[in-house]
């Protein structure tokens, strides 16, 4: 899945769970943590695989439930003693939603779930046939753009634009959470840089 798809699925699920548990839409800092969490497995594994050659594929420790579950539980437990518990929960929710969607994404094409993605190091994935380094992402993106260009209008609207449109609409209905918090973080960073 693409980064924006992980962010979209994570946000839609988090918003629904937030409303079910608290009756309120998600808010600021937790939404920022959720966004980071939805990208975390790929930032870790793709960097260590494509960039540094540590893993033979882009699915390893960051995607493994054998790593993400104990680390996530520990993170939430540690944060429960502080004031940032909701932020930790949102990050872990995003991380776990990323892993779940990578396992289940093959269902949209009629395939079976790819459980092996989440079972590193018990299940080894077939190494890449060629070493493209970080350029692998560009190759995959070019293939994605070619798929979009070949799509009929219905597929384009439903598959490629539908999830994005749904997510943006829900985010706006929720009050655009995270936007103010992001602006505050950017202003803080700018002040910090200027003061040095």
N, C-alpha and C. Protein backbone atom coordinates (compact mmCIF):
# COMPACT_ATOMS: atom_id res chain seq x y z
N UNK A 1 0.84 -1.18 0.00
CA UNK A 1 0.00 0.00 0.00
C UNK A 1 0.88 1.24 0.00
N UNK A 2 0.31 2.31 -0.47
CA UNK A 2 1.04 3.57 -0.53
C UNK A 2 0.88 4.34 0.77
N UNK A 3 1.81 5.26 1.07
CA UNK A 3 1.75 6.00 2.33
C UNK A 3 0.39 6.66 2.58
N UNK A 4 -0.18 7.29 1.55
CA UNK A 4 -1.46 7.97 1.73
C UNK A 4 -2.58 6.97 1.99
N UNK A 5 -2.47 5.76 1.45
CA UNK A 5 -3.49 4.75 1.73
C UNK A 5 -3.40 4.27 3.18
N UNK A 6 -2.18 4.07 3.66
CA UNK A 6 -2.01 3.69 5.07
C UNK A 6 -2.55 4.79 5.99
N UNK A 7 -2.24 6.05 5.67
CA UNK A 7 -2.74 7.16 6.48
C UNK A 7 -4.26 7.22 6.45
N UNK A 8 -4.84 7.02 5.27
CA UNK A 8 -6.29 7.09 5.12
C UNK A 8 -6.99 5.98 5.90
N UNK A 9 -6.55 4.75 5.72
CA UNK A 9 -7.18 3.62 6.43
C UNK A 9 -7.01 3.81 7.94
N UNK A 10 -5.82 4.18 8.36
CA UNK A 10 -5.58 4.41 9.78
C UNK A 10 -6.49 5.48 10.34
N UNK A 11 -6.65 6.60 9.61
CA UNK A 11 -7.49 7.69 10.11
C UNK A 11 -8.96 7.28 10.17
N UNK A 12 -9.47 6.67 9.12
CA UNK A 12 -10.88 6.28 9.10
C UNK A 12 -11.17 5.33 10.26
N UNK A 13 -10.33 4.32 10.45
CA UNK A 13 -10.54 3.36 11.54
C UNK A 13 -10.42 4.05 12.90
N UNK A 14 -9.42 4.92 13.06
CA UNK A 14 -9.21 5.60 14.33
C UNK A 14 -10.39 6.53 14.65
N UNK A 15 -10.88 7.23 13.65
CA UNK A 15 -12.02 8.12 13.86
C UNK A 15 -13.24 7.34 14.31
N UNK A 16 -13.49 6.22 13.65
CA UNK A 16 -14.65 5.39 14.02
C UNK A 16 -14.50 4.88 15.45
N UNK A 17 -13.33 4.35 15.79
CA UNK A 17 -13.10 3.84 17.14
C UNK A 17 -13.20 4.97 18.17
N UNK A 18 -12.65 6.12 17.85
CA UNK A 18 -12.72 7.27 18.76
C UNK A 18 -14.17 7.65 19.04
N UNK A 19 -14.96 7.70 18.00
CA UNK A 19 -16.38 8.06 18.17
C UNK A 19 -17.14 6.98 18.95
N UNK A 20 -16.81 5.71 18.71
CA UNK A 20 -17.49 4.63 19.43
C UNK A 20 -17.14 4.62 20.91
N UNK A 21 -15.87 4.89 21.23
CA UNK A 21 -15.43 4.80 22.63
C UNK A 21 -15.70 6.06 23.43
N UNK A 22 -15.57 7.23 22.79
CA UNK A 22 -15.70 8.48 23.55
C UNK A 22 -16.88 9.33 23.11
N UNK A 23 -17.46 9.00 21.97
CA UNK A 23 -18.54 9.83 21.45
C UNK A 23 -18.03 11.11 20.79
N UNK A 24 -16.72 11.24 20.69
CA UNK A 24 -16.09 12.44 20.13
C UNK A 24 -15.18 12.06 18.97
N UNK A 25 -14.98 13.00 18.04
CA UNK A 25 -13.99 12.74 16.99
C UNK A 25 -12.58 12.81 17.57
N UNK A 26 -11.60 12.29 16.88
CA UNK A 26 -10.23 12.38 17.37
C UNK A 26 -9.77 13.84 17.39
N UNK A 27 -8.70 14.10 18.14
CA UNK A 27 -8.21 15.47 18.18
C UNK A 27 -6.70 15.54 18.01
N UNK A 28 -6.21 16.75 17.85
CA UNK A 28 -4.86 17.21 17.63
C UNK A 28 -3.69 16.27 17.70
N UNK A 29 -3.02 16.28 18.85
CA UNK A 29 -1.78 15.53 18.98
C UNK A 29 -1.94 14.03 18.71
N UNK A 30 -3.01 13.39 19.18
CA UNK A 30 -3.16 11.98 18.83
C UNK A 30 -3.25 11.74 17.31
N UNK A 31 -3.87 12.65 16.57
CA UNK A 31 -3.96 12.47 15.12
C UNK A 31 -2.58 12.59 14.48
N UNK A 32 -1.75 13.50 14.98
CA UNK A 32 -0.38 13.59 14.47
C UNK A 32 0.39 12.30 14.76
N UNK A 33 0.23 11.78 15.98
CA UNK A 33 0.89 10.52 16.34
C UNK A 33 0.37 9.37 15.48
N UNK A 34 -0.92 9.36 15.22
CA UNK A 34 -1.52 8.35 14.35
C UNK A 34 -0.88 8.41 12.97
N UNK A 35 -0.74 9.61 12.42
CA UNK A 35 -0.15 9.77 11.08
C UNK A 35 1.27 9.21 11.05
N UNK A 36 2.05 9.51 12.08
CA UNK A 36 3.42 8.98 12.15
C UNK A 36 3.38 7.45 12.28
N UNK A 37 2.50 6.95 13.12
CA UNK A 37 2.39 5.51 13.31
C UNK A 37 2.02 4.76 12.05
N UNK A 38 1.17 5.37 11.21
CA UNK A 38 0.77 4.69 9.97
C UNK A 38 1.93 4.58 8.98
N UNK A 39 2.96 5.37 9.15
CA UNK A 39 4.11 5.34 8.23
C UNK A 39 5.30 4.58 8.82
N UNK A 40 5.29 4.40 10.13
CA UNK A 40 6.45 3.87 10.86
C UNK A 40 7.00 2.55 10.33
N UNK A 41 6.17 1.52 10.09
CA UNK A 41 6.74 0.25 9.62
C UNK A 41 7.53 0.38 8.32
N UNK A 42 7.02 1.18 7.38
CA UNK A 42 7.74 1.35 6.11
C UNK A 42 8.99 2.20 6.27
N UNK A 43 8.92 3.22 7.12
CA UNK A 43 10.12 4.04 7.35
C UNK A 43 11.24 3.17 7.91
N UNK A 44 10.90 2.30 8.84
CA UNK A 44 11.91 1.41 9.43
C UNK A 44 12.38 0.37 8.41
N UNK A 45 11.46 -0.42 7.89
CA UNK A 45 11.84 -1.57 7.07
C UNK A 45 12.35 -1.20 5.69
N UNK A 46 11.71 -0.23 5.04
CA UNK A 46 12.18 0.14 3.70
C UNK A 46 13.56 0.79 3.78
N UNK A 47 13.78 1.61 4.80
CA UNK A 47 15.10 2.23 4.98
C UNK A 47 16.16 1.17 5.24
N UNK A 48 15.87 0.24 6.14
CA UNK A 48 16.85 -0.80 6.48
C UNK A 48 17.06 -1.78 5.34
N UNK A 49 16.07 -1.97 4.49
CA UNK A 49 16.20 -2.89 3.35
C UNK A 49 16.75 -2.17 2.13
N UNK A 50 15.99 -1.22 1.62
CA UNK A 50 16.35 -0.56 0.37
C UNK A 50 17.57 0.33 0.53
N UNK A 51 17.66 1.03 1.66
CA UNK A 51 18.74 1.99 1.84
C UNK A 51 20.01 1.40 2.39
N UNK A 52 19.88 0.51 3.37
CA UNK A 52 21.07 0.00 4.07
C UNK A 52 21.35 -1.47 3.83
N UNK A 53 20.44 -2.19 3.21
CA UNK A 53 20.66 -3.60 2.90
C UNK A 53 20.68 -4.52 4.11
N UNK A 54 20.11 -4.09 5.24
CA UNK A 54 20.09 -4.91 6.45
C UNK A 54 19.13 -6.10 6.29
N UNK A 55 17.97 -5.85 5.69
CA UNK A 55 16.97 -6.89 5.47
C UNK A 55 16.86 -7.18 3.97
N UNK A 56 16.52 -8.42 3.60
CA UNK A 56 16.42 -8.75 2.17
C UNK A 56 15.17 -8.19 1.49
N UNK A 57 14.16 -7.78 2.27
CA UNK A 57 12.95 -7.17 1.71
C UNK A 57 12.51 -6.02 2.61
N UNK A 58 11.51 -5.30 2.15
CA UNK A 58 10.98 -4.17 2.92
C UNK A 58 9.94 -4.56 3.95
N UNK A 59 9.85 -5.86 4.26
CA UNK A 59 8.94 -6.34 5.30
C UNK A 59 9.75 -7.13 6.32
N UNK A 60 10.04 -6.49 7.45
CA UNK A 60 10.86 -7.16 8.47
C UNK A 60 10.39 -6.72 9.85
N UNK A 61 11.29 -6.24 10.67
CA UNK A 61 10.99 -5.94 12.08
C UNK A 61 9.84 -4.95 12.26
N UNK A 62 9.79 -3.91 11.45
CA UNK A 62 8.74 -2.90 11.59
C UNK A 62 7.35 -3.43 11.31
N UNK A 63 7.25 -4.47 10.49
CA UNK A 63 5.97 -5.06 10.14
C UNK A 63 5.64 -6.29 10.99
N UNK A 64 6.57 -6.78 11.76
CA UNK A 64 6.39 -8.03 12.49
C UNK A 64 5.54 -7.86 13.75
N UNK A 65 4.51 -8.68 13.89
CA UNK A 65 3.72 -8.65 15.12
C UNK A 65 4.56 -9.12 16.30
N UNK A 66 5.60 -9.89 16.03
CA UNK A 66 6.48 -10.35 17.10
C UNK A 66 7.30 -9.20 17.69
N UNK A 67 7.40 -8.12 16.95
CA UNK A 67 8.08 -6.91 17.43
C UNK A 67 7.06 -5.84 17.79
N UNK A 68 6.11 -5.58 16.89
CA UNK A 68 5.20 -4.45 17.07
C UNK A 68 4.23 -4.62 18.24
N UNK A 69 3.80 -5.82 18.51
CA UNK A 69 2.86 -6.00 19.62
C UNK A 69 3.54 -5.75 20.97
N UNK A 70 4.67 -6.41 21.29
CA UNK A 70 5.28 -6.12 22.59
C UNK A 70 5.77 -4.68 22.71
N UNK A 71 6.32 -4.13 21.64
CA UNK A 71 6.78 -2.74 21.69
C UNK A 71 5.59 -1.80 21.88
N UNK A 72 4.50 -2.05 21.16
CA UNK A 72 3.30 -1.21 21.30
C UNK A 72 2.71 -1.28 22.69
N UNK A 73 2.60 -2.47 23.24
CA UNK A 73 2.07 -2.63 24.59
C UNK A 73 2.97 -1.92 25.60
N UNK A 74 4.28 -2.06 25.45
CA UNK A 74 5.22 -1.39 26.35
C UNK A 74 5.11 0.13 26.24
N UNK A 75 4.98 0.63 25.02
CA UNK A 75 4.86 2.07 24.81
C UNK A 75 3.61 2.62 25.48
N UNK A 76 2.49 1.96 25.28
CA UNK A 76 1.24 2.41 25.90
C UNK A 76 1.32 2.28 27.42
N UNK A 77 1.90 1.20 27.92
CA UNK A 77 2.04 1.02 29.37
C UNK A 77 2.91 2.11 29.98
N UNK A 78 4.00 2.44 29.32
CA UNK A 78 4.89 3.50 29.82
C UNK A 78 4.18 4.85 29.79
N UNK A 79 3.43 5.11 28.74
CA UNK A 79 2.74 6.40 28.61
C UNK A 79 1.56 6.50 29.55
N UNK A 80 1.02 5.37 29.99
CA UNK A 80 -0.14 5.39 30.89
C UNK A 80 0.20 6.07 32.20
N UNK A 81 1.47 6.12 32.53
CA UNK A 81 1.88 6.78 33.76
C UNK A 81 2.04 8.28 33.57
N UNK A 82 2.02 8.72 32.32
CA UNK A 82 2.18 10.14 32.03
C UNK A 82 0.92 10.72 31.43
N UNK A 83 1.07 11.89 30.85
CA UNK A 83 -0.09 12.58 30.29
C UNK A 83 -0.29 12.31 28.81
N UNK A 84 0.60 11.55 28.21
CA UNK A 84 0.55 11.36 26.76
C UNK A 84 0.01 9.99 26.35
N UNK A 85 -0.83 9.41 27.17
CA UNK A 85 -1.35 8.07 26.86
C UNK A 85 -2.10 8.04 25.54
N UNK A 86 -2.96 9.03 25.29
CA UNK A 86 -3.74 9.04 24.04
C UNK A 86 -2.83 9.16 22.83
N UNK A 87 -1.74 9.89 22.98
CA UNK A 87 -0.77 10.03 21.88
C UNK A 87 -0.12 8.67 21.60
N UNK A 88 0.29 7.98 22.66
CA UNK A 88 0.91 6.66 22.50
C UNK A 88 -0.07 5.66 21.89
N UNK A 89 -1.30 5.67 22.37
CA UNK A 89 -2.31 4.76 21.83
C UNK A 89 -2.54 5.04 20.35
N UNK A 90 -2.59 6.30 19.97
CA UNK A 90 -2.82 6.66 18.57
C UNK A 90 -1.65 6.21 17.69
N UNK A 91 -0.42 6.39 18.17
CA UNK A 91 0.75 5.93 17.41
C UNK A 91 0.69 4.42 17.20
N UNK A 92 0.43 3.69 18.27
CA UNK A 92 0.37 2.23 18.19
C UNK A 92 -0.78 1.80 17.28
N UNK A 93 -1.91 2.46 17.38
CA UNK A 93 -3.05 2.16 16.51
C UNK A 93 -2.64 2.33 15.05
N UNK A 94 -1.96 3.42 14.74
CA UNK A 94 -1.50 3.65 13.37
C UNK A 94 -0.53 2.59 12.91
N UNK A 95 0.41 2.23 13.78
CA UNK A 95 1.41 1.20 13.45
C UNK A 95 0.71 -0.12 13.15
N UNK A 96 -0.16 -0.53 14.06
CA UNK A 96 -0.84 -1.82 13.89
C UNK A 96 -1.78 -1.81 12.69
N UNK A 97 -2.42 -0.67 12.41
CA UNK A 97 -3.31 -0.61 11.23
C UNK A 97 -2.49 -0.77 9.96
N UNK A 98 -1.27 -0.24 9.96
CA UNK A 98 -0.39 -0.38 8.79
C UNK A 98 -0.08 -1.86 8.55
N UNK A 99 0.30 -2.55 9.60
CA UNK A 99 0.63 -3.98 9.47
C UNK A 99 -0.59 -4.76 8.99
N UNK A 100 -1.74 -4.50 9.60
CA UNK A 100 -2.97 -5.22 9.22
C UNK A 100 -3.32 -4.97 7.75
N UNK A 101 -3.21 -3.74 7.30
CA UNK A 101 -3.58 -3.46 5.90
C UNK A 101 -2.59 -4.07 4.93
N UNK A 102 -1.31 -4.13 5.29
CA UNK A 102 -0.34 -4.79 4.41
C UNK A 102 -0.63 -6.29 4.30
N UNK A 103 -1.08 -6.89 5.38
CA UNK A 103 -1.42 -8.31 5.35
C UNK A 103 -2.69 -8.54 4.52
N UNK A 104 -3.65 -7.63 4.63
CA UNK A 104 -4.97 -7.84 4.03
C UNK A 104 -5.17 -7.19 2.66
N UNK A 105 -4.24 -6.36 2.21
CA UNK A 105 -4.44 -5.61 0.96
C UNK A 105 -4.65 -6.53 -0.24
N UNK A 106 -4.10 -7.71 -0.20
CA UNK A 106 -4.25 -8.64 -1.33
C UNK A 106 -5.70 -9.08 -1.52
N UNK A 107 -6.54 -8.92 -0.51
CA UNK A 107 -7.95 -9.28 -0.63
C UNK A 107 -8.66 -8.44 -1.69
N UNK A 108 -8.24 -7.18 -1.86
CA UNK A 108 -8.93 -6.34 -2.84
C UNK A 108 -8.69 -6.80 -4.27
N UNK A 109 -7.66 -7.60 -4.48
CA UNK A 109 -7.42 -8.18 -5.80
C UNK A 109 -7.88 -9.62 -5.90
N UNK A 110 -8.59 -10.10 -4.86
CA UNK A 110 -9.08 -11.46 -4.87
C UNK A 110 -8.11 -12.49 -4.33
N UNK A 111 -6.98 -12.04 -3.78
CA UNK A 111 -5.98 -12.97 -3.25
C UNK A 111 -6.23 -13.33 -1.80
N UNK A 112 -5.31 -14.09 -1.25
CA UNK A 112 -5.36 -14.47 0.16
C UNK A 112 -4.52 -13.51 0.98
N UNK A 113 -4.82 -13.39 2.28
CA UNK A 113 -3.98 -12.54 3.14
C UNK A 113 -2.53 -13.02 3.11
N UNK A 114 -1.61 -12.09 3.19
CA UNK A 114 -0.18 -12.42 3.22
C UNK A 114 0.33 -12.37 4.66
N UNK A 115 0.02 -13.42 5.41
CA UNK A 115 0.37 -13.48 6.83
C UNK A 115 1.87 -13.38 7.06
N UNK A 116 2.66 -13.87 6.12
CA UNK A 116 4.11 -13.86 6.27
C UNK A 116 4.69 -12.47 6.45
N UNK A 117 4.02 -11.45 5.94
CA UNK A 117 4.49 -10.07 6.10
C UNK A 117 4.66 -9.73 7.58
N UNK A 118 3.75 -10.24 8.40
CA UNK A 118 3.73 -9.88 9.82
C UNK A 118 4.43 -10.89 10.72
N UNK A 119 5.10 -11.87 10.15
CA UNK A 119 5.69 -12.94 10.97
C UNK A 119 7.21 -13.02 10.87
N UNK A 120 7.87 -11.92 10.53
CA UNK A 120 9.32 -11.89 10.54
C UNK A 120 9.78 -12.07 11.98
N UNK A 121 10.81 -12.80 12.30
CA UNK A 121 11.74 -13.55 11.46
C UNK A 121 11.35 -15.02 11.28
N UNK A 122 10.17 -15.40 11.75
CA UNK A 122 9.74 -16.80 11.61
C UNK A 122 9.54 -17.15 10.14
N UNK A 123 8.91 -16.25 9.40
CA UNK A 123 8.66 -16.45 7.97
C UNK A 123 9.56 -15.51 7.20
N UNK A 124 10.46 -16.07 6.41
CA UNK A 124 11.33 -15.26 5.56
C UNK A 124 10.63 -15.00 4.24
N UNK A 125 10.72 -13.78 3.77
CA UNK A 125 10.16 -13.43 2.47
C UNK A 125 11.23 -13.59 1.42
N UNK A 126 10.81 -13.87 0.21
CA UNK A 126 11.74 -14.04 -0.92
C UNK A 126 12.49 -12.73 -1.14
N UNK A 127 13.84 -12.78 -1.15
CA UNK A 127 14.60 -11.54 -1.37
C UNK A 127 14.35 -10.97 -2.76
N UNK A 128 14.60 -9.68 -2.90
CA UNK A 128 14.46 -9.04 -4.20
C UNK A 128 15.47 -9.64 -5.17
N UNK A 129 15.09 -9.74 -6.43
CA UNK A 129 15.98 -10.30 -7.45
C UNK A 129 17.10 -9.36 -7.83
N UNK A 130 16.87 -8.06 -7.67
CA UNK A 130 17.90 -7.09 -8.02
C UNK A 130 17.94 -6.00 -6.96
N UNK A 131 19.10 -5.39 -6.82
CA UNK A 131 19.28 -4.36 -5.80
C UNK A 131 19.10 -2.98 -6.44
N UNK A 132 17.98 -2.36 -6.16
CA UNK A 132 17.70 -1.04 -6.70
C UNK A 132 17.93 0.06 -5.67
N UNK A 133 18.27 -0.34 -4.44
CA UNK A 133 18.46 0.65 -3.39
C UNK A 133 17.17 1.42 -3.15
N UNK A 134 17.32 2.68 -2.76
CA UNK A 134 16.15 3.51 -2.51
C UNK A 134 15.38 3.80 -3.79
N UNK A 135 16.01 3.58 -4.95
CA UNK A 135 15.34 3.74 -6.23
C UNK A 135 14.17 2.78 -6.41
N UNK A 136 14.10 1.74 -5.59
CA UNK A 136 13.00 0.78 -5.67
C UNK A 136 11.66 1.51 -5.48
N UNK A 137 11.62 2.48 -4.61
CA UNK A 137 10.39 3.24 -4.40
C UNK A 137 9.96 3.97 -5.65
N UNK A 138 10.91 4.52 -6.40
CA UNK A 138 10.59 5.22 -7.65
C UNK A 138 10.07 4.24 -8.70
N UNK A 139 10.67 3.06 -8.76
CA UNK A 139 10.20 2.04 -9.70
C UNK A 139 8.76 1.65 -9.37
N UNK A 140 8.48 1.42 -8.09
CA UNK A 140 7.13 1.05 -7.68
C UNK A 140 6.14 2.17 -7.97
N UNK A 141 6.56 3.42 -7.74
CA UNK A 141 5.66 4.55 -7.99
C UNK A 141 5.37 4.69 -9.49
N UNK A 142 6.36 4.48 -10.32
CA UNK A 142 6.15 4.52 -11.78
C UNK A 142 5.16 3.43 -12.20
N UNK A 143 5.28 2.24 -11.61
CA UNK A 143 4.34 1.16 -11.90
C UNK A 143 2.92 1.54 -11.45
N UNK A 144 2.83 2.18 -10.29
CA UNK A 144 1.53 2.63 -9.79
C UNK A 144 0.90 3.64 -10.75
N UNK A 145 1.68 4.63 -11.19
CA UNK A 145 1.16 5.63 -12.12
C UNK A 145 0.70 4.99 -13.42
N UNK A 146 1.44 3.99 -13.89
CA UNK A 146 1.03 3.28 -15.11
C UNK A 146 -0.29 2.55 -14.88
N UNK A 147 -0.46 1.94 -13.71
CA UNK A 147 -1.73 1.28 -13.38
C UNK A 147 -2.88 2.28 -13.35
N UNK A 148 -2.64 3.44 -12.75
CA UNK A 148 -3.67 4.48 -12.70
C UNK A 148 -4.04 4.91 -14.12
N UNK A 149 -3.04 5.10 -14.96
CA UNK A 149 -3.28 5.54 -16.34
C UNK A 149 -4.09 4.51 -17.13
N UNK A 150 -3.91 3.24 -16.82
CA UNK A 150 -4.64 2.17 -17.52
C UNK A 150 -6.03 1.92 -16.94
N UNK A 151 -6.32 2.52 -15.79
CA UNK A 151 -7.58 2.25 -15.10
C UNK A 151 -8.77 2.81 -15.88
N UNK A 152 -9.88 2.06 -15.83
CA UNK A 152 -11.12 2.62 -16.36
C UNK A 152 -11.64 3.65 -15.35
N UNK A 153 -12.60 4.44 -15.76
CA UNK A 153 -13.09 5.54 -14.92
C UNK A 153 -13.63 5.03 -13.59
N UNK A 154 -14.38 3.94 -13.60
CA UNK A 154 -14.95 3.40 -12.37
C UNK A 154 -13.86 2.99 -11.39
N UNK A 155 -12.86 2.27 -11.86
CA UNK A 155 -11.75 1.85 -10.99
C UNK A 155 -11.00 3.07 -10.47
N UNK A 156 -10.76 4.03 -11.34
CA UNK A 156 -10.06 5.25 -10.94
C UNK A 156 -10.81 5.95 -9.81
N UNK A 157 -12.11 6.10 -9.98
CA UNK A 157 -12.90 6.81 -8.97
C UNK A 157 -13.04 6.02 -7.68
N UNK A 158 -13.31 4.73 -7.78
CA UNK A 158 -13.56 3.93 -6.58
C UNK A 158 -12.27 3.57 -5.86
N UNK A 159 -11.33 2.98 -6.57
CA UNK A 159 -10.12 2.45 -5.93
C UNK A 159 -9.11 3.56 -5.63
N UNK A 160 -8.83 4.39 -6.61
CA UNK A 160 -7.74 5.35 -6.44
C UNK A 160 -8.16 6.65 -5.77
N UNK A 161 -9.40 7.08 -5.98
CA UNK A 161 -9.83 8.35 -5.41
C UNK A 161 -10.85 8.20 -4.29
N UNK A 162 -11.56 7.09 -4.26
CA UNK A 162 -12.63 6.90 -3.28
C UNK A 162 -12.17 6.96 -1.84
N UNK A 163 -11.13 6.20 -1.51
CA UNK A 163 -10.64 6.19 -0.13
C UNK A 163 -10.13 7.56 0.28
N UNK A 164 -9.42 8.22 -0.62
CA UNK A 164 -8.91 9.56 -0.31
C UNK A 164 -10.05 10.53 -0.08
N UNK A 165 -11.04 10.52 -0.95
CA UNK A 165 -12.18 11.43 -0.81
C UNK A 165 -12.95 11.15 0.48
N UNK A 166 -13.18 9.88 0.79
CA UNK A 166 -13.86 9.51 2.03
C UNK A 166 -13.09 10.01 3.24
N UNK A 167 -11.78 9.81 3.22
CA UNK A 167 -10.96 10.21 4.36
C UNK A 167 -10.96 11.72 4.55
N UNK A 168 -10.78 12.46 3.47
CA UNK A 168 -10.78 13.93 3.57
C UNK A 168 -12.14 14.42 4.07
N UNK A 169 -13.22 13.84 3.56
CA UNK A 169 -14.56 14.24 4.01
C UNK A 169 -14.74 13.96 5.50
N UNK A 170 -14.34 12.78 5.95
CA UNK A 170 -14.46 12.43 7.37
C UNK A 170 -13.59 13.34 8.22
N UNK A 171 -12.37 13.62 7.76
CA UNK A 171 -11.46 14.50 8.49
C UNK A 171 -12.06 15.89 8.64
N UNK A 172 -12.70 16.40 7.59
CA UNK A 172 -13.35 17.71 7.67
C UNK A 172 -14.54 17.68 8.61
N UNK A 173 -15.35 16.61 8.54
CA UNK A 173 -16.48 16.46 9.46
C UNK A 173 -15.98 16.40 10.90
N UNK A 174 -14.83 15.76 11.11
CA UNK A 174 -14.25 15.65 12.45
C UNK A 174 -13.65 16.98 12.93
N UNK A 175 -13.62 18.00 12.07
CA UNK A 175 -13.07 19.29 12.46
C UNK A 175 -11.61 19.47 12.08
N UNK A 176 -11.14 18.72 11.11
CA UNK A 176 -9.74 18.79 10.64
C UNK A 176 -8.74 18.64 11.80
N UNK A 177 -8.90 17.58 12.61
CA UNK A 177 -8.01 17.41 13.76
C UNK A 177 -6.56 17.21 13.33
N UNK A 178 -5.68 17.80 14.11
CA UNK A 178 -4.25 17.69 13.83
C UNK A 178 -3.71 18.89 13.11
N UNK A 179 -4.55 19.62 12.39
CA UNK A 179 -4.08 20.77 11.62
C UNK A 179 -3.54 21.85 12.54
N UNK A 180 -4.29 22.21 13.57
CA UNK A 180 -3.83 23.22 14.52
C UNK A 180 -2.59 22.74 15.27
N UNK A 181 -2.60 21.48 15.69
CA UNK A 181 -1.44 20.92 16.41
C UNK A 181 -0.20 20.91 15.52
N UNK A 182 -0.36 20.59 14.25
CA UNK A 182 0.77 20.61 13.32
C UNK A 182 1.30 22.02 13.15
N UNK A 183 0.39 22.99 12.99
CA UNK A 183 0.80 24.39 12.89
C UNK A 183 1.58 24.84 14.11
N UNK A 184 1.12 24.44 15.29
CA UNK A 184 1.81 24.79 16.54
C UNK A 184 3.21 24.19 16.57
N UNK A 185 3.35 22.94 16.11
CA UNK A 185 4.67 22.29 16.09
C UNK A 185 5.60 22.99 15.10
N UNK A 186 5.08 23.39 13.94
CA UNK A 186 5.90 24.08 12.94
C UNK A 186 6.34 25.44 13.47
N UNK A 187 5.43 26.18 14.10
CA UNK A 187 5.80 27.49 14.68
C UNK A 187 6.85 27.33 15.78
N UNK A 188 6.68 26.31 16.64
CA UNK A 188 7.66 26.06 17.70
C UNK A 188 9.02 25.77 17.09
N UNK A 189 9.06 24.93 16.06
CA UNK A 189 10.32 24.57 15.41
C UNK A 189 10.97 25.81 14.80
N UNK A 190 10.17 26.64 14.13
CA UNK A 190 10.72 27.86 13.51
C UNK A 190 11.29 28.80 14.56
N UNK A 191 10.60 28.97 15.69
CA UNK A 191 11.13 29.81 16.78
C UNK A 191 12.43 29.24 17.33
N UNK A 192 12.47 27.92 17.48
CA UNK A 192 13.66 27.28 18.02
C UNK A 192 14.85 27.49 17.09
N UNK A 193 14.64 27.33 15.80
CA UNK A 193 15.72 27.51 14.82
C UNK A 193 16.19 28.96 14.81
N UNK A 194 15.25 29.91 14.83
CA UNK A 194 15.62 31.34 14.81
C UNK A 194 16.38 31.76 16.06
N UNK A 195 16.08 31.13 17.19
CA UNK A 195 16.71 31.54 18.46
C UNK A 195 18.14 31.03 18.61
N UNK A 196 18.60 30.19 17.72
CA UNK A 196 19.96 29.64 17.84
C UNK A 196 20.96 30.44 17.10
